[in-house]
Every structure is written in structure tokens, then in C-alpha cells.
């Protein structure tokens, strides 16, 4: 019996099922270059209603070249079809790890128009693009998700994608008064376009 080649949708569904089941099979490195991306959830930030936190799980095993992870959210107000909330964001390529293991990143999507509405469906789309090859293959997932107001974000070991530093861990007591201050460095400047 000849089995049909897996489609991106079947691969994404398989990855999601394996992750949900905690399967150790996902931890094994694939035999050939594989890239998968999927949306896990999207919730409205409880403190800033113009932000959505989207959890995206991806897997890629070819470490050569940069990757671009983009997430966009669009939501139409059910009472006013002309009021559309829309936002998009791109995760830093340096934060995308391609080592054959699944990774989850939480990205912040800021609405450029209106605040997000709770208990109203939104279209959430994500793409993972290989910038290091020609042509640039892209892998995508899109879901219709009813946005809810989320709880505080879970602790993560993945690098943050919104430009903030992770919370301090370990001993946070200040150093003794005779300890010299660390050198002051200028923060990185944004890329000029």
C-alpha cells in the first residue's frame, strides 16, 4: 500500500497531537529537512486590551540561514463591520532555534486600530519563512480563535520576542555598597528602514 505524502496541514495536526500527548517521538530528530509551524492559542492581555499574546509552536531542523516568524491577528467587531482590529508582528530571527526539536514562542501582537474584543472570533495567522534559501519557502498555519482575556503569561525558557528582558531568577539581593557599578552601555538601536 502506497501512503500519500504528508500535507502541511496533516503535519501540523500530527505535531499538535504529539505535543498534546507528550509524545517522546517528537524529540527524535527527523531524517530529512522538516519545518512545521502551528498556532496553539491567542489571548487578550489582561492589562493592555490592545495586545494579544499568541503561542506559536514550530519545528525546523536545518540550522543554516535565518528564519522569519510572523504572526498576524484580525478581528471584526460583530456590531460594526467597519471596525476591524488588526495587528502583526515579527519575531527576531536570532530567537528562532532550528535544531530538530519543537519550540514554543509567545509573541505579542499589538492592534494598530482598535482594542481586541473578548469572546469574539479572530483570524490568527502565522508563517515561518526560511530566509536563507532561494526560493524562500514559507510554512503557515491559520486558525479562527475566539479571543478571551488571558491570565498572566506562563514562565518560559524561550527568549522573549517583545524586546523585554526575562524576569530575574535566583538571588535578587543588591550587591554590597562597595561593589563597583557595572559599565553603562548604550541600548541597541532599532533597525532604520
C-alpha atoms as a PDB file:
ATOM      1  CA  UNK A   1       0.000   0.000   0.000  1.00  0.00           C
ATOM      2  CA  UNK A   2       1.412   3.410  -1.005  1.00  0.00           C
ATOM      3  CA  UNK A   3       0.866   6.162   1.542  1.00  0.00           C
ATOM      4  CA  UNK A   4       0.259   9.706   0.285  1.00  0.00           C
ATOM      5  CA  UNK A   5       2.901  12.310   1.056  1.00  0.00           C
ATOM      6  CA  UNK A   6       2.028  14.272   4.214  1.00  0.00           C
ATOM      7  CA  UNK A   7       0.492  17.690   3.648  1.00  0.00           C
ATOM      8  CA  UNK A   8       1.479  20.693   5.787  1.00  0.00           C
ATOM      9  CA  UNK A   9      -1.967  20.581   7.450  1.00  0.00           C
ATOM     10  CA  UNK A  10      -1.554  16.874   8.317  1.00  0.00           C
ATOM     11  CA  UNK A  11       1.977  17.501   9.590  1.00  0.00           C
ATOM     12  CA  UNK A  12       0.793  20.413  11.745  1.00  0.00           C
ATOM     13  CA  UNK A  13      -2.079  18.343  13.118  1.00  0.00           C
ATOM     14  CA  UNK A  14       0.302  15.460  13.802  1.00  0.00           C
ATOM     15  CA  UNK A  15       2.777  17.758  15.574  1.00  0.00           C
ATOM     16  CA  UNK A  16      -0.025  19.258  17.694  1.00  0.00           C
ATOM     17  CA  UNK A  17      -1.355  15.808  18.604  1.00  0.00           C
ATOM     18  CA  UNK A  18       2.109  14.556  19.553  1.00  0.00           C
ATOM     19  CA  UNK A  19       2.828  17.649  21.638  1.00  0.00           C
ATOM     20  CA  UNK A  20      -0.550  17.395  23.395  1.00  0.00           C
ATOM     21  CA  UNK A  21       0.091  13.748  24.198  1.00  0.00           C
ATOM     22  CA  UNK A  22       3.610  14.486  25.450  1.00  0.00           C
ATOM     23  CA  UNK A  23       4.996  12.020  22.936  1.00  0.00           C
ATOM     24  CA  UNK A  24       8.755  11.390  23.034  1.00  0.00           C
ATOM     25  CA  UNK A  25       8.581  10.711  19.294  1.00  0.00           C
ATOM     26  CA  UNK A  26       8.697  14.439  18.565  1.00  0.00           C
ATOM     27  CA  UNK A  27      12.009  14.717  20.383  1.00  0.00           C
ATOM     28  CA  UNK A  28      13.769  12.485  17.856  1.00  0.00           C
ATOM     29  CA  UNK A  29      15.475  14.386  15.043  1.00  0.00           C
ATOM     30  CA  UNK A  30      13.736  13.897  11.697  1.00  0.00           C
ATOM     31  CA  UNK A  31      15.559  12.057   8.912  1.00  0.00           C
ATOM     32  CA  UNK A  32      15.233  14.915   6.402  1.00  0.00           C
ATOM     33  CA  UNK A  33      14.760  18.683   6.499  1.00  0.00           C
ATOM     34  CA  UNK A  34      11.381  19.354   8.082  1.00  0.00           C
ATOM     35  CA  UNK A  35       9.674  22.604   9.026  1.00  0.00           C
ATOM     36  CA  UNK A  36       6.336  22.810  10.821  1.00  0.00           C
ATOM     37  CA  UNK A  37       4.505  25.716  12.417  1.00  0.00           C
ATOM     38  CA  UNK A  38       1.227  25.868  14.327  1.00  0.00           C
ATOM     39  CA  UNK A  39      -0.814  28.250  16.466  1.00  0.00           C
ATOM     40  CA  UNK A  40      -1.523  26.952  19.964  1.00  0.00           C
ATOM     41  CA  UNK A  41      -3.613  29.770  21.443  1.00  0.00           C
ATOM     42  CA  UNK A  42      -4.194  33.507  21.425  1.00  0.00           C
ATOM     43  CA  UNK A  43      -5.477  35.556  24.373  1.00  0.00           C
ATOM     44  CA  UNK A  44      -6.035  39.239  25.095  1.00  0.00           C
ATOM     45  CA  UNK A  45      -3.533  40.753  27.519  1.00  0.00           C
ATOM     46  CA  UNK A  46      -5.469  41.424  30.755  1.00  0.00           C
ATOM     47  CA  UNK A  47      -3.653  44.732  31.393  1.00  0.00           C
ATOM     48  CA  UNK A  48      -3.426  46.104  27.843  1.00  0.00           C
ATOM     49  CA  UNK A  49      -6.527  45.246  25.745  1.00  0.00           C
ATOM     50  CA  UNK A  50      -4.852  46.344  22.516  1.00  0.00           C
ATOM     51  CA  UNK A  51      -2.406  43.404  22.799  1.00  0.00           C
ATOM     52  CA  UNK A  52      -2.875  39.726  22.057  1.00  0.00           C
ATOM     53  CA  UNK A  53      -0.423  37.079  23.246  1.00  0.00           C
ATOM     54  CA  UNK A  54      -0.197  34.263  20.710  1.00  0.00           C
ATOM     55  CA  UNK A  55       1.602  30.990  21.427  1.00  0.00           C
ATOM     56  CA  UNK A  56       3.194  29.542  18.298  1.00  0.00           C
ATOM     57  CA  UNK A  57       4.872  26.125  18.174  1.00  0.00           C
ATOM     58  CA  UNK A  58       7.364  25.400  15.431  1.00  0.00           C
ATOM     59  CA  UNK A  59       9.854  22.741  14.478  1.00  0.00           C
ATOM     60  CA  UNK A  60      12.679  23.051  11.984  1.00  0.00           C
ATOM     61  CA  UNK A  61      15.869  21.061  11.693  1.00  0.00           C
ATOM     62  CA  UNK A  62      18.039  22.910   9.222  1.00  0.00           C
ATOM     63  CA  UNK A  63      20.152  25.396  11.208  1.00  0.00           C
ATOM     64  CA  UNK A  64      21.559  27.139   8.123  1.00  0.00           C
ATOM     65  CA  UNK A  65      20.062  30.510   7.233  1.00  0.00           C
ATOM     66  CA  UNK A  66      17.823  32.868   9.146  1.00  0.00           C
ATOM     67  CA  UNK A  67      14.148  32.259   9.765  1.00  0.00           C
ATOM     68  CA  UNK A  68      11.335  34.789   9.905  1.00  0.00           C
ATOM     69  CA  UNK A  69       8.406  34.042  12.239  1.00  0.00           C
ATOM     70  CA  UNK A  70       5.418  36.317  11.633  1.00  0.00           C
ATOM     71  CA  UNK A  71       2.054  36.376  13.398  1.00  0.00           C
ATOM     72  CA  UNK A  72      -0.967  38.483  12.459  1.00  0.00           C
ATOM     73  CA  UNK A  73      -4.389  38.809  14.067  1.00  0.00           C
ATOM     74  CA  UNK A  74      -7.548  40.294  12.531  1.00  0.00           C
ATOM     75  CA  UNK A  75     -10.892  40.713  14.285  1.00  0.00           C
ATOM     76  CA  UNK A  76     -14.098  42.373  13.089  1.00  0.00           C
ATOM     77  CA  UNK A  77     -16.494  43.908  15.606  1.00  0.00           C
ATOM     78  CA  UNK A  78     -19.781  41.955  15.281  1.00  0.00           C
ATOM     79  CA  UNK A  79     -21.761  45.153  15.954  1.00  0.00           C
ATOM     80  CA  UNK A  80     -19.839  47.339  13.488  1.00  0.00           C
ATOM     81  CA  UNK A  81     -18.447  45.624  10.387  1.00  0.00           C
ATOM     82  CA  UNK A  82     -16.271  48.661   9.623  1.00  0.00           C
ATOM     83  CA  UNK A  83     -14.441  48.404  12.961  1.00  0.00           C
ATOM     84  CA  UNK A  84     -11.613  45.938  12.319  1.00  0.00           C
ATOM     85  CA  UNK A  85      -8.822  45.328  14.800  1.00  0.00           C
ATOM     86  CA  UNK A  86      -5.589  44.319  13.077  1.00  0.00           C
ATOM     87  CA  UNK A  87      -2.012  43.762  14.142  1.00  0.00           C
ATOM     88  CA  UNK A  88       1.066  41.885  13.031  1.00  0.00           C
ATOM     89  CA  UNK A  89       4.476  41.184  14.494  1.00  0.00           C
ATOM     90  CA  UNK A  90       7.730  39.503  13.540  1.00  0.00           C
ATOM     91  CA  UNK A  91       9.882  37.562  15.994  1.00  0.00           C
ATOM     92  CA  UNK A  92      13.601  38.246  15.971  1.00  0.00           C
ATOM     93  CA  UNK A  93      15.384  35.750  13.674  1.00  0.00           C
ATOM     94  CA  UNK A  94      18.068  35.187  16.327  1.00  0.00           C
ATOM     95  CA  UNK A  95      15.399  33.809  18.665  1.00  0.00           C
ATOM     96  CA  UNK A  96      14.248  31.091  16.263  1.00  0.00           C
ATOM     97  CA  UNK A  97      16.011  27.828  17.051  1.00  0.00           C
ATOM     98  CA  UNK A  98      16.237  25.172  14.333  1.00  0.00           C
ATOM     99  CA  UNK A  99      17.597  22.062  15.994  1.00  0.00           C
ATOM    100  CA  UNK A 100      15.008  19.415  15.159  1.00  0.00           C
ATOM    101  CA  UNK A 101      13.091  19.954  18.405  1.00  0.00           C
ATOM    102  CA  UNK A 102       9.719  21.671  18.842  1.00  0.00           C
ATOM    103  CA  UNK A 103       9.834  25.156  20.379  1.00  0.00           C
ATOM    104  CA  UNK A 104       7.016  27.400  21.549  1.00  0.00           C
ATOM    105  CA  UNK A 105       7.268  31.170  21.422  1.00  0.00           C
ATOM    106  CA  UNK A 106       4.799  33.647  22.834  1.00  0.00           C
ATOM    107  CA  UNK A 107       4.588  36.714  20.631  1.00  0.00           C
ATOM    108  CA  UNK A 108       2.799  39.972  21.329  1.00  0.00           C
ATOM    109  CA  UNK A 109       0.548  41.324  18.579  1.00  0.00           C
ATOM    110  CA  UNK A 110      -0.411  44.974  19.041  1.00  0.00           C
ATOM    111  CA  UNK A 111      -3.617  46.149  17.362  1.00  0.00           C
ATOM    112  CA  UNK A 112      -2.951  49.112  15.101  1.00  0.00           C
ATOM    113  CA  UNK A 113      -6.609  50.160  15.060  1.00  0.00           C
ATOM    114  CA  UNK A 114      -8.993  49.160  17.896  1.00  0.00           C
ATOM    115  CA  UNK A 115      -8.724  47.212  21.157  1.00  0.00           C
ATOM    116  CA  UNK A 116      -9.333  43.468  20.871  1.00  0.00           C
ATOM    117  CA  UNK A 117     -12.816  42.296  21.873  1.00  0.00           C
ATOM    118  CA  UNK A 118     -13.252  39.427  24.326  1.00  0.00           C
ATOM    119  CA  UNK A 119     -15.439  36.457  23.314  1.00  0.00           C
ATOM    120  CA  UNK A 120     -15.315  37.449  19.628  1.00  0.00           C
ATOM    121  CA  UNK A 121     -13.631  35.302  16.943  1.00  0.00           C
ATOM    122  CA  UNK A 122     -10.416  36.467  15.308  1.00  0.00           C
ATOM    123  CA  UNK A 123      -8.325  35.085  12.468  1.00  0.00           C
ATOM    124  CA  UNK A 124      -4.793  34.293  13.664  1.00  0.00           C
ATOM    125  CA  UNK A 125      -2.174  33.558  11.005  1.00  0.00           C
ATOM    126  CA  UNK A 126       1.464  32.584  11.417  1.00  0.00           C
ATOM    127  CA  UNK A 127       4.219  31.960   8.888  1.00  0.00           C
ATOM    128  CA  UNK A 128       7.721  30.598   9.295  1.00  0.00           C
ATOM    129  CA  UNK A 129       9.923  31.537   6.348  1.00  0.00           C
ATOM    130  CA  UNK A 130      13.413  30.281   5.525  1.00  0.00           C
ATOM    131  CA  UNK A 131      15.271  33.460   4.560  1.00  0.00           C
ATOM    132  CA  UNK A 132      18.489  31.597   3.775  1.00  0.00           C
ATOM    133  CA  UNK A 133      17.320  29.704   0.702  1.00  0.00           C
ATOM    134  CA  UNK A 134      16.160  30.565  -2.785  1.00  0.00           C
ATOM    135  CA  UNK A 135      13.275  30.472  -3.341  1.00  0.00           C
ATOM    136  CA  UNK A 136      12.228  31.298   0.230  1.00  0.00           C
ATOM    137  CA  UNK A 137       9.899  28.504   1.323  1.00  0.00           C
ATOM    138  CA  UNK A 138       7.232  29.535   3.827  1.00  0.00           C
ATOM    139  CA  UNK A 139       5.201  27.350   6.148  1.00  0.00           C
ATOM    140  CA  UNK A 140       1.940  28.651   7.570  1.00  0.00           C
ATOM    141  CA  UNK A 141      -0.997  27.995   9.841  1.00  0.00           C
ATOM    142  CA  UNK A 142      -4.227  29.947  10.270  1.00  0.00           C
ATOM    143  CA  UNK A 143      -6.997  29.490  12.787  1.00  0.00           C
ATOM    144  CA  UNK A 144     -10.250  31.115  13.776  1.00  0.00           C
ATOM    145  CA  UNK A 145      -9.883  31.599  17.542  1.00  0.00           C
ATOM    146  CA  UNK A 146     -12.374  33.165  19.955  1.00  0.00           C
ATOM    147  CA  UNK A 147     -10.260  35.651  21.896  1.00  0.00           C
ATOM    148  CA  UNK A 148     -10.587  35.611  25.675  1.00  0.00           C
ATOM    149  CA  UNK A 149      -8.868  37.695  28.314  1.00  0.00           C
ATOM    150  CA  UNK A 150      -5.883  35.641  29.352  1.00  0.00           C
ATOM    151  CA  UNK A 151      -4.153  35.061  32.644  1.00  0.00           C
ATOM    152  CA  UNK A 152      -0.624  36.185  33.335  1.00  0.00           C
ATOM    153  CA  UNK A 153       1.824  34.730  30.795  1.00  0.00           C
ATOM    154  CA  UNK A 154       3.396  31.404  31.753  1.00  0.00           C
ATOM    155  CA  UNK A 155       7.054  31.219  32.714  1.00  0.00           C
ATOM    156  CA  UNK A 156       9.177  30.307  29.701  1.00  0.00           C
ATOM    157  CA  UNK A 157      12.773  29.492  28.933  1.00  0.00           C
ATOM    158  CA  UNK A 158      12.452  30.702  25.358  1.00  0.00           C
ATOM    159  CA  UNK A 159      13.870  34.169  24.593  1.00  0.00           C
ATOM    160  CA  UNK A 160      11.228  36.920  24.750  1.00  0.00           C
ATOM    161  CA  UNK A 161      10.104  38.297  21.396  1.00  0.00           C
ATOM    162  CA  UNK A 162       8.752  41.654  22.534  1.00  0.00           C
ATOM    163  CA  UNK A 163      12.133  43.239  23.329  1.00  0.00           C
ATOM    164  CA  UNK A 164      11.813  42.866  27.107  1.00  0.00           C
ATOM    165  CA  UNK A 165      14.202  41.030  29.369  1.00  0.00           C
ATOM    166  CA  UNK A 166      13.065  37.905  31.204  1.00  0.00           C
ATOM    167  CA  UNK A 167      12.266  38.273  34.928  1.00  0.00           C
ATOM    168  CA  UNK A 168      15.245  37.883  37.246  1.00  0.00           C
ATOM    169  CA  UNK A 169      15.956  34.438  38.625  1.00  0.00           C
ATOM    170  CA  UNK A 170      17.989  33.344  41.621  1.00  0.00           C
ATOM    171  CA  UNK A 171      19.324  35.794  44.195  1.00  0.00           C
ATOM    172  CA  UNK A 172      18.000  39.296  43.553  1.00  0.00           C
ATOM    173  CA  UNK A 173      19.508  40.978  46.647  1.00  0.00           C
ATOM    174  CA  UNK A 174      21.536  44.060  45.789  1.00  0.00           C
ATOM    175  CA  UNK A 175      25.351  43.818  45.922  1.00  0.00           C
ATOM    176  CA  UNK A 176      27.265  45.353  48.857  1.00  0.00           C
ATOM    177  CA  UNK A 177      27.742  49.128  48.731  1.00  0.00           C
ATOM    178  CA  UNK A 178      31.494  48.831  47.969  1.00  0.00           C
ATOM    179  CA  UNK A 179      30.862  46.808  44.770  1.00  0.00           C
ATOM    180  CA  UNK A 180      31.677  48.904  41.661  1.00  0.00           C
ATOM    181  CA  UNK A 181      28.765  49.583  39.346  1.00  0.00           C
ATOM    182  CA  UNK A 182      28.736  47.720  36.031  1.00  0.00           C
ATOM    183  CA  UNK A 183      29.720  49.774  32.978  1.00  0.00           C
ATOM    184  CA  UNK A 184      26.915  51.694  31.315  1.00  0.00           C
ATOM    185  CA  UNK A 185      26.245  50.581  27.767  1.00  0.00           C
ATOM    186  CA  UNK A 186      24.050  52.220  25.225  1.00  0.00           C
ATOM    187  CA  UNK A 187      20.934  50.165  24.358  1.00  0.00           C
ATOM    188  CA  UNK A 188      20.743  48.677  20.897  1.00  0.00           C
ATOM    189  CA  UNK A 189      19.198  51.000  18.368  1.00  0.00           C
ATOM    190  CA  UNK A 190      16.299  49.813  16.223  1.00  0.00           C
ATOM    191  CA  UNK A 191      16.994  48.952  12.612  1.00  0.00           C
ATOM    192  CA  UNK A 192      16.419  52.031  10.446  1.00  0.00           C
ATOM    193  CA  UNK A 193      14.210  51.375   7.460  1.00  0.00           C
END
